[in-house]
Amino acid sequence: MNNTAKKIKKPAIVIMKRELNSYFSSPIAYIVTGLFLIITGVLFFTTFFLQNRASLRNMFSLMPIILSFFIPALTMRLYSEEKRSGSIETLYTLPVTEFDAVCGKFLAALTASAAMVAPTLIYLISMLPFGLPEPGPVAGGYLGTLFLCAAFSAIGVFASSITKNQIIAFFTAFIICIVLTMISEFLIFLPGPIVEFLSFISANQHFTSISRGIIDTRDLVYFVSLTAFFFSLTVICQQNERK
């Protein structure tokens, strides 16, 4: 790796590490992760014991709704707290671009989200003595969850970047995420052309396709595009604010 590449990447990595240290040194990280595991655990064990099925399908079916709440809770402080305290001004006196700052905060949010989801692998391990689940849907479920975490993290960072209030940042991100998740529920009441468009922008539709073990490039492009859109929007907003 040449020196130019190192100089580009280093500030974002430093910011990511700073955000992760701040996050995991506070009780909020363990409270959010604990609540997430309680909810996903209830979904898993309900299927496992009551329905007598060794499957993660029930958990994955509600993952977009669950993450619509938990990822905004992870990201709400990333920019808003620094803007409230004024430390964002100190950050930008350093040789750090808006892109570096957004990249670092996004990577921290994505890493924290992945760390929150990772313990659910215990559910998978606990099923093995009773039967091997289908590898396709399991792998697709976790792959779709990772893409969903990336997209919702980008939305959360954007929401946090436009306000000094963490509560406003949370609800802004939550509303965007839940609308993208739930919009597919209203498709049957709408005309054909509108249904086609809303199906395309529905995060739940694309996630469901991947979680079934069907890897379609259109679903991957959707999540990459959604992530890139909100990432770029955050960079633009920060650049305009800094002028």
C-alpha atoms as a PDB file:
ATOM      1  CA  MET A   1       0.000   0.000   0.000  1.00  0.00           C
ATOM      2  CA  ASN A   2       1.463   3.357  -0.981  1.00  0.00           C
ATOM      3  CA  ASN A   3       1.802   6.346   1.365  1.00  0.00           C
ATOM      4  CA  THR A   4      -1.093   8.206  -0.283  1.00  0.00           C
ATOM      5  CA  ALA A   5      -3.499   5.366   0.436  1.00  0.00           C
ATOM      6  CA  LYS A   6      -2.298   5.222   4.045  1.00  0.00           C
ATOM      7  CA  LYS A   7      -2.870   8.952   4.506  1.00  0.00           C
ATOM      8  CA  ILE A   8      -6.391   8.648   3.081  1.00  0.00           C
ATOM      9  CA  LYS A   9      -7.389   5.723   5.259  1.00  0.00           C
ATOM     10  CA  LYS A  10      -5.676   6.570   8.544  1.00  0.00           C
ATOM     11  CA  PRO A  11      -7.984   9.410   9.778  1.00  0.00           C
ATOM     12  CA  ALA A  12     -11.115   7.317   9.183  1.00  0.00           C
ATOM     13  CA  ILE A  13      -9.629   4.364  11.088  1.00  0.00           C
ATOM     14  CA  VAL A  14      -8.614   6.620  13.993  1.00  0.00           C
ATOM     15  CA  ILE A  15     -12.134   8.074  14.160  1.00  0.00           C
ATOM     16  CA  MET A  16     -13.652   4.589  13.952  1.00  0.00           C
ATOM     17  CA  LYS A  17     -11.504   3.346  16.853  1.00  0.00           C
ATOM     18  CA  ARG A  18     -12.319   6.439  18.911  1.00  0.00           C
ATOM     19  CA  GLU A  19     -16.058   5.964  18.389  1.00  0.00           C
ATOM     20  CA  LEU A  20     -15.899   2.253  19.195  1.00  0.00           C
ATOM     21  CA  ASN A  21     -13.884   2.891  22.378  1.00  0.00           C
ATOM     22  CA  SER A  22     -16.416   5.507  23.435  1.00  0.00           C
ATOM     23  CA  TYR A  23     -19.337   3.232  22.635  1.00  0.00           C
ATOM     24  CA  PHE A  24     -18.095   0.073  24.313  1.00  0.00           C
ATOM     25  CA  SER A  25     -16.893   1.941  27.404  1.00  0.00           C
ATOM     26  CA  SER A  26     -20.457   3.094  28.095  1.00  0.00           C
ATOM     27  CA  PRO A  27     -23.389   1.056  29.457  1.00  0.00           C
ATOM     28  CA  ILE A  28     -25.520   1.831  26.379  1.00  0.00           C
ATOM     29  CA  ALA A  29     -23.588  -0.722  24.283  1.00  0.00           C
ATOM     30  CA  TYR A  30     -24.425  -3.586  26.623  1.00  0.00           C
ATOM     31  CA  ILE A  31     -27.994  -2.454  27.260  1.00  0.00           C
ATOM     32  CA  VAL A  32     -28.766  -2.233  23.535  1.00  0.00           C
ATOM     33  CA  THR A  33     -27.049  -5.548  22.772  1.00  0.00           C
ATOM     34  CA  GLY A  34     -28.763  -7.243  25.722  1.00  0.00           C
ATOM     35  CA  LEU A  35     -32.216  -6.080  24.640  1.00  0.00           C
ATOM     36  CA  PHE A  36     -31.499  -7.145  21.059  1.00  0.00           C
ATOM     37  CA  LEU A  37     -30.488 -10.635  22.181  1.00  0.00           C
ATOM     38  CA  ILE A  38     -33.544 -10.960  24.429  1.00  0.00           C
ATOM     39  CA  ILE A  39     -35.898 -10.150  21.547  1.00  0.00           C
ATOM     40  CA  THR A  40     -34.134 -12.347  18.988  1.00  0.00           C
ATOM     41  CA  GLY A  41     -33.800 -15.099  21.608  1.00  0.00           C
ATOM     42  CA  VAL A  42     -37.539 -15.090  22.259  1.00  0.00           C
ATOM     43  CA  LEU A  43     -38.184 -15.369  18.514  1.00  0.00           C
ATOM     44  CA  PHE A  44     -35.731 -18.235  18.150  1.00  0.00           C
ATOM     45  CA  PHE A  45     -36.791 -20.271  21.175  1.00  0.00           C
ATOM     46  CA  THR A  46     -40.468 -19.770  20.362  1.00  0.00           C
ATOM     47  CA  THR A  47     -39.838 -21.492  17.035  1.00  0.00           C
ATOM     48  CA  PHE A  48     -37.508 -24.078  18.545  1.00  0.00           C
ATOM     49  CA  PHE A  49     -39.597 -25.255  21.501  1.00  0.00           C
ATOM     50  CA  LEU A  50     -43.202 -24.339  20.712  1.00  0.00           C
ATOM     51  CA  GLN A  51     -43.168 -25.092  16.991  1.00  0.00           C
ATOM     52  CA  ASN A  52     -40.568 -27.868  17.302  1.00  0.00           C
ATOM     53  CA  ARG A  53     -38.504 -26.582  14.370  1.00  0.00           C
ATOM     54  CA  ALA A  54     -34.737 -26.069  14.237  1.00  0.00           C
ATOM     55  CA  SER A  55     -34.893 -22.866  12.234  1.00  0.00           C
ATOM     56  CA  LEU A  56     -33.792 -19.228  12.351  1.00  0.00           C
ATOM     57  CA  ARG A  57     -36.462 -18.222   9.847  1.00  0.00           C
ATOM     58  CA  ASN A  58     -38.749 -16.621  12.435  1.00  0.00           C
ATOM     59  CA  MET A  59     -35.906 -14.456  13.734  1.00  0.00           C
ATOM     60  CA  PHE A  60     -34.778 -13.388  10.272  1.00  0.00           C
ATOM     61  CA  SER A  61     -38.333 -12.613   9.154  1.00  0.00           C
ATOM     62  CA  LEU A  62     -38.536  -9.837  11.752  1.00  0.00           C
ATOM     63  CA  MET A  63     -34.904  -8.718  11.537  1.00  0.00           C
ATOM     64  CA  PRO A  64     -35.629  -5.601   9.400  1.00  0.00           C
ATOM     65  CA  ILE A  65     -38.161  -4.352  11.962  1.00  0.00           C
ATOM     66  CA  ILE A  66     -35.863  -5.131  14.901  1.00  0.00           C
ATOM     67  CA  LEU A  67     -32.873  -3.399  13.309  1.00  0.00           C
ATOM     68  CA  SER A  68     -35.064  -0.402  12.401  1.00  0.00           C
ATOM     69  CA  PHE A  69     -35.193   0.292  16.130  1.00  0.00           C
ATOM     70  CA  PHE A  70     -31.802  -0.860  17.401  1.00  0.00           C
ATOM     71  CA  ILE A  71     -29.448   0.612  14.807  1.00  0.00           C
ATOM     72  CA  PRO A  72     -30.821   4.170  15.243  1.00  0.00           C
ATOM     73  CA  ALA A  73     -30.206   3.639  18.981  1.00  0.00           C
ATOM     74  CA  LEU A  74     -26.569   2.810  18.175  1.00  0.00           C
ATOM     75  CA  THR A  75     -26.012   5.728  15.806  1.00  0.00           C
ATOM     76  CA  MET A  76     -28.004   8.572  17.369  1.00  0.00           C
ATOM     77  CA  ARG A  77     -25.055  10.019  19.292  1.00  0.00           C
ATOM     78  CA  LEU A  78     -22.351   9.787  16.595  1.00  0.00           C
ATOM     79  CA  TYR A  79     -22.677  13.355  15.316  1.00  0.00           C
ATOM     80  CA  SER A  80     -25.388  14.901  17.485  1.00  0.00           C
ATOM     81  CA  GLU A  81     -23.428  14.570  20.737  1.00  0.00           C
ATOM     82  CA  GLU A  82     -20.348  16.200  19.206  1.00  0.00           C
ATOM     83  CA  LYS A  83     -22.465  19.008  17.795  1.00  0.00           C
ATOM     84  CA  ARG A  84     -24.163  19.555  21.137  1.00  0.00           C
ATOM     85  CA  SER A  85     -20.876  19.674  23.045  1.00  0.00           C
ATOM     86  CA  GLY A  86     -19.036  21.643  20.344  1.00  0.00           C
ATOM     87  CA  SER A  87     -16.284  19.041  19.964  1.00  0.00           C
ATOM     88  CA  ILE A  88     -17.125  18.701  16.263  1.00  0.00           C
ATOM     89  CA  GLU A  89     -15.349  22.031  15.739  1.00  0.00           C
ATOM     90  CA  THR A  90     -12.221  20.607  17.341  1.00  0.00           C
ATOM     91  CA  LEU A  91     -12.409  17.577  15.071  1.00  0.00           C
ATOM     92  CA  TYR A  92     -12.476  19.734  11.960  1.00  0.00           C
ATOM     93  CA  THR A  93      -9.456  21.791  13.069  1.00  0.00           C
ATOM     94  CA  LEU A  94      -7.454  18.607  12.532  1.00  0.00           C
ATOM     95  CA  PRO A  95      -6.338  17.419   9.079  1.00  0.00           C
ATOM     96  CA  VAL A  96      -9.594  15.496   8.658  1.00  0.00           C
ATOM     97  CA  THR A  97     -11.988  15.817   5.739  1.00  0.00           C
ATOM     98  CA  GLU A  98     -15.742  15.423   5.942  1.00  0.00           C
ATOM     99  CA  PHE A  99     -15.357  12.157   4.043  1.00  0.00           C
ATOM    100  CA  ASP A 100     -12.880  10.863   6.647  1.00  0.00           C
ATOM    101  CA  ALA A 101     -15.222  11.754   9.517  1.00  0.00           C
ATOM    102  CA  VAL A 102     -18.290  10.185   7.908  1.00  0.00           C
ATOM    103  CA  CYS A 103     -16.331   7.093   6.886  1.00  0.00           C
ATOM    104  CA  GLY A 104     -14.943   6.615  10.405  1.00  0.00           C
ATOM    105  CA  LYS A 105     -18.334   7.037  12.059  1.00  0.00           C
ATOM    106  CA  PHE A 106     -20.046   4.771   9.524  1.00  0.00           C
ATOM    107  CA  LEU A 107     -17.449   2.019  10.009  1.00  0.00           C
ATOM    108  CA  ALA A 108     -17.866   2.320  13.785  1.00  0.00           C
ATOM    109  CA  ALA A 109     -21.656   2.007  13.465  1.00  0.00           C
ATOM    110  CA  LEU A 110     -21.368  -0.979  11.127  1.00  0.00           C
ATOM    111  CA  THR A 111     -18.842  -2.706  13.420  1.00  0.00           C
ATOM    112  CA  ALA A 112     -21.022  -2.107  16.487  1.00  0.00           C
ATOM    113  CA  SER A 113     -24.068  -3.444  14.601  1.00  0.00           C
ATOM    114  CA  ALA A 114     -22.197  -6.561  13.508  1.00  0.00           C
ATOM    115  CA  ALA A 115     -20.983  -7.084  17.101  1.00  0.00           C
ATOM    116  CA  MET A 116     -24.590  -6.825  18.282  1.00  0.00           C
ATOM    117  CA  VAL A 117     -25.765  -9.474  15.783  1.00  0.00           C
ATOM    118  CA  ALA A 118     -22.792 -11.844  16.156  1.00  0.00           C
ATOM    119  CA  PRO A 119     -23.915 -13.491  19.448  1.00  0.00           C
ATOM    120  CA  THR A 120     -27.022 -14.814  17.675  1.00  0.00           C
ATOM    121  CA  LEU A 121     -24.694 -17.455  16.202  1.00  0.00           C
ATOM    122  CA  ILE A 122     -25.149 -19.157  19.580  1.00  0.00           C
ATOM    123  CA  TYR A 123     -28.703 -19.966  18.491  1.00  0.00           C
ATOM    124  CA  LEU A 124     -27.352 -21.671  15.387  1.00  0.00           C
ATOM    125  CA  ILE A 125     -24.841 -23.699  17.402  1.00  0.00           C
ATOM    126  CA  SER A 126     -27.544 -24.759  19.867  1.00  0.00           C
ATOM    127  CA  MET A 127     -29.569 -26.266  17.006  1.00  0.00           C
ATOM    128  CA  LEU A 128     -26.812 -28.555  15.723  1.00  0.00           C
ATOM    129  CA  PRO A 129     -27.428 -31.504  18.122  1.00  0.00           C
ATOM    130  CA  PHE A 130     -31.087 -31.583  17.009  1.00  0.00           C
ATOM    131  CA  GLY A 131     -30.660 -31.197  13.277  1.00  0.00           C
ATOM    132  CA  LEU A 132     -28.670 -29.325  10.689  1.00  0.00           C
ATOM    133  CA  PRO A 133     -30.580 -26.303   9.343  1.00  0.00           C
ATOM    134  CA  GLU A 134     -30.502 -25.553   5.629  1.00  0.00           C
ATOM    135  CA  PRO A 135     -27.187 -23.784   4.991  1.00  0.00           C
ATOM    136  CA  GLY A 136     -28.545 -21.588   2.173  1.00  0.00           C
ATOM    137  CA  PRO A 137     -31.202 -19.686   4.172  1.00  0.00           C
ATOM    138  CA  VAL A 138     -28.897 -19.399   7.215  1.00  0.00           C
ATOM    139  CA  ALA A 139     -26.012 -17.976   5.186  1.00  0.00           C
ATOM    140  CA  GLY A 140     -28.439 -15.765   3.240  1.00  0.00           C
ATOM    141  CA  GLY A 141     -30.053 -14.569   6.455  1.00  0.00           C
ATOM    142  CA  TYR A 142     -26.764 -13.445   7.939  1.00  0.00           C
ATOM    143  CA  LEU A 143     -25.567 -11.947   4.652  1.00  0.00           C
ATOM    144  CA  GLY A 144     -28.831 -10.012   4.293  1.00  0.00           C
ATOM    145  CA  THR A 145     -28.560  -8.873   7.922  1.00  0.00           C
ATOM    146  CA  LEU A 146     -25.051  -7.543   7.274  1.00  0.00           C
ATOM    147  CA  PHE A 147     -26.255  -5.574   4.229  1.00  0.00           C
ATOM    148  CA  LEU A 148     -29.217  -4.327   6.251  1.00  0.00           C
ATOM    149  CA  CYS A 149     -26.869  -3.208   9.048  1.00  0.00           C
ATOM    150  CA  ALA A 150     -24.757  -1.281   6.525  1.00  0.00           C
ATOM    151  CA  ALA A 151     -27.743   0.498   4.984  1.00  0.00           C
ATOM    152  CA  PHE A 152     -29.396   1.345   8.311  1.00  0.00           C
ATOM    153  CA  SER A 153     -26.044   2.465   9.766  1.00  0.00           C
ATOM    154  CA  ALA A 154     -25.634   4.912   6.882  1.00  0.00           C
ATOM    155  CA  ILE A 155     -29.169   6.190   7.530  1.00  0.00           C
ATOM    156  CA  GLY A 156     -28.429   6.501  11.247  1.00  0.00           C
ATOM    157  CA  VAL A 157     -25.215   8.449  10.690  1.00  0.00           C
ATOM    158  CA  PHE A 158     -27.060  10.790   8.325  1.00  0.00           C
ATOM    159  CA  ALA A 159     -29.854  11.383  10.854  1.00  0.00           C
ATOM    160  CA  SER A 160     -27.334  12.085  13.607  1.00  0.00           C
ATOM    161  CA  SER A 161     -25.436  14.528  11.379  1.00  0.00           C
ATOM    162  CA  ILE A 162     -28.382  16.887  10.850  1.00  0.00           C
ATOM    163  CA  THR A 163     -29.276  17.613  14.484  1.00  0.00           C
ATOM    164  CA  LYS A 164     -27.757  18.305  17.891  1.00  0.00           C
ATOM    165  CA  ASN A 165     -30.497  16.347  19.633  1.00  0.00           C
ATOM    166  CA  GLN A 166     -29.968  12.598  20.030  1.00  0.00           C
ATOM    167  CA  ILE A 167     -33.691  11.896  20.435  1.00  0.00           C
ATOM    168  CA  ILE A 168     -34.492  13.698  17.172  1.00  0.00           C
ATOM    169  CA  ALA A 169     -31.641  11.795  15.500  1.00  0.00           C
ATOM    170  CA  PHE A 170     -33.062   8.492  16.779  1.00  0.00           C
ATOM    171  CA  PHE A 171     -36.615   9.134  15.592  1.00  0.00           C
ATOM    172  CA  THR A 172     -35.467  10.505  12.223  1.00  0.00           C
ATOM    173  CA  ALA A 173     -33.440   7.364  11.535  1.00  0.00           C
ATOM    174  CA  PHE A 174     -36.158   5.105  12.935  1.00  0.00           C
ATOM    175  CA  ILE A 175     -38.844   6.642  10.714  1.00  0.00           C
ATOM    176  CA  ILE A 176     -36.717   6.314   7.569  1.00  0.00           C
ATOM    177  CA  CYS A 177     -35.772   2.711   8.385  1.00  0.00           C
ATOM    178  CA  ILE A 178     -39.257   1.588   9.367  1.00  0.00           C
ATOM    179  CA  VAL A 179     -40.831   3.204   6.293  1.00  0.00           C
ATOM    180  CA  LEU A 180     -38.337   1.392   4.041  1.00  0.00           C
ATOM    181  CA  THR A 181     -39.140  -1.810   5.945  1.00  0.00           C
ATOM    182  CA  MET A 182     -42.924  -1.588   6.150  1.00  0.00           C
ATOM    183  CA  ILE A 183     -43.714   0.011   2.794  1.00  0.00           C
ATOM    184  CA  SER A 184     -44.084  -3.428   1.197  1.00  0.00           C
ATOM    185  CA  GLU A 185     -47.043  -4.163   3.497  1.00  0.00           C
ATOM    186  CA  PHE A 186     -49.207  -1.651   1.623  1.00  0.00           C
ATOM    187  CA  LEU A 187     -48.460  -2.769  -1.925  1.00  0.00           C
ATOM    188  CA  ILE A 188     -51.711  -4.676  -2.433  1.00  0.00           C
ATOM    189  CA  PHE A 189     -53.756  -1.477  -2.135  1.00  0.00           C
ATOM    190  CA  LEU A 190     -51.877   0.432  -4.865  1.00  0.00           C
ATOM    191  CA  PRO A 191     -51.861   0.496  -8.691  1.00  0.00           C
ATOM    192  CA  GLY A 192     -49.409  -1.685 -10.598  1.00  0.00           C
ATOM    193  CA  PRO A 193     -46.778   0.923 -11.606  1.00  0.00           C
ATOM    194  CA  ILE A 194     -46.581   2.273  -8.051  1.00  0.00           C
ATOM    195  CA  VAL A 195     -46.296  -1.261  -6.662  1.00  0.00           C
ATOM    196  CA  GLU A 196     -43.325  -1.933  -8.932  1.00  0.00           C
ATOM    197  CA  PHE A 197     -41.531   1.209  -7.758  1.00  0.00           C
ATOM    198  CA  LEU A 198     -42.273   0.675  -4.062  1.00  0.00           C
ATOM    199  CA  SER A 199     -41.182  -2.968  -4.310  1.00  0.00           C
ATOM    200  CA  PHE A 200     -37.831  -1.757  -5.563  1.00  0.00           C
ATOM    201  CA  ILE A 201     -37.287   0.680  -2.660  1.00  0.00           C
ATOM    202  CA  SER A 202     -38.574  -1.758  -0.014  1.00  0.00           C
ATOM    203  CA  ALA A 203     -35.703  -2.931   2.182  1.00  0.00           C
ATOM    204  CA  ASN A 204     -37.829  -5.793   3.462  1.00  0.00           C
ATOM    205  CA  GLN A 205     -38.486  -7.154  -0.042  1.00  0.00           C
ATOM    206  CA  HIS A 206     -34.785  -7.274  -0.891  1.00  0.00           C
ATOM    207  CA  PHE A 207     -33.796  -8.639   2.515  1.00  0.00           C
ATOM    208  CA  THR A 208     -36.425 -11.401   2.315  1.00  0.00           C
ATOM    209  CA  SER A 209     -35.085 -12.480  -1.058  1.00  0.00           C
ATOM    210  CA  ILE A 210     -31.505 -12.748   0.243  1.00  0.00           C
ATOM    211  CA  SER A 211     -32.567 -14.430   3.503  1.00  0.00           C
ATOM    212  CA  ARG A 212     -34.131 -17.264   1.517  1.00  0.00           C
ATOM    213  CA  GLY A 213     -30.669 -18.072   0.178  1.00  0.00           C
ATOM    214  CA  ILE A 214     -31.371 -16.522  -3.219  1.00  0.00           C
ATOM    215  CA  ILE A 215     -28.463 -14.233  -4.058  1.00  0.00           C
ATOM    216  CA  ASP A 216     -29.720 -11.849  -6.738  1.00  0.00           C
ATOM    217  CA  THR A 217     -27.395  -9.046  -7.852  1.00  0.00           C
ATOM    218  CA  ARG A 218     -30.384  -6.657  -7.903  1.00  0.00           C
ATOM    219  CA  ASP A 219     -30.798  -7.108  -4.145  1.00  0.00           C
ATOM    220  CA  LEU A 220     -27.093  -6.545  -3.520  1.00  0.00           C
ATOM    221  CA  VAL A 221     -27.064  -3.462  -5.751  1.00  0.00           C
ATOM    222  CA  TYR A 222     -30.062  -2.110  -3.851  1.00  0.00           C
ATOM    223  CA  PHE A 223     -28.343  -2.292  -0.469  1.00  0.00           C
ATOM    224  CA  VAL A 224     -25.033  -0.965  -1.796  1.00  0.00           C
ATOM    225  CA  SER A 225     -26.865   1.912  -3.500  1.00  0.00           C
ATOM    226  CA  LEU A 226     -28.947   2.727  -0.407  1.00  0.00           C
ATOM    227  CA  THR A 227     -25.829   2.742   1.764  1.00  0.00           C
ATOM    228  CA  ALA A 228     -23.873   4.859  -0.716  1.00  0.00           C
ATOM    229  CA  PHE A 229     -26.765   7.329  -1.085  1.00  0.00           C
ATOM    230  CA  PHE A 230     -27.067   8.141   2.617  1.00  0.00           C
ATOM    231  CA  PHE A 231     -23.287   8.049   3.077  1.00  0.00           C
ATOM    232  CA  SER A 232     -22.848  10.589   0.269  1.00  0.00           C
ATOM    233  CA  LEU A 233     -25.758  12.680   1.544  1.00  0.00           C
ATOM    234  CA  THR A 234     -24.096  12.891   4.962  1.00  0.00           C
ATOM    235  CA  VAL A 235     -20.784  13.985   3.421  1.00  0.00           C
ATOM    236  CA  ILE A 236     -22.535  16.684   1.362  1.00  0.00           C
ATOM    237  CA  CYS A 237     -24.487  17.938   4.385  1.00  0.00           C
ATOM    238  CA  GLN A 238     -21.305  18.178   6.444  1.00  0.00           C
ATOM    239  CA  GLN A 239     -19.453  19.961   3.678  1.00  0.00           C
ATOM    240  CA  ASN A 240     -22.265  22.532   3.354  1.00  0.00           C
ATOM    241  CA  GLU A 241     -22.425  22.980   7.122  1.00  0.00           C
ATOM    242  CA  ARG A 242     -18.679  23.541   7.380  1.00  0.00           C
ATOM    243  CA  LYS A 243     -18.660  26.327   4.781  1.00  0.00           C
END
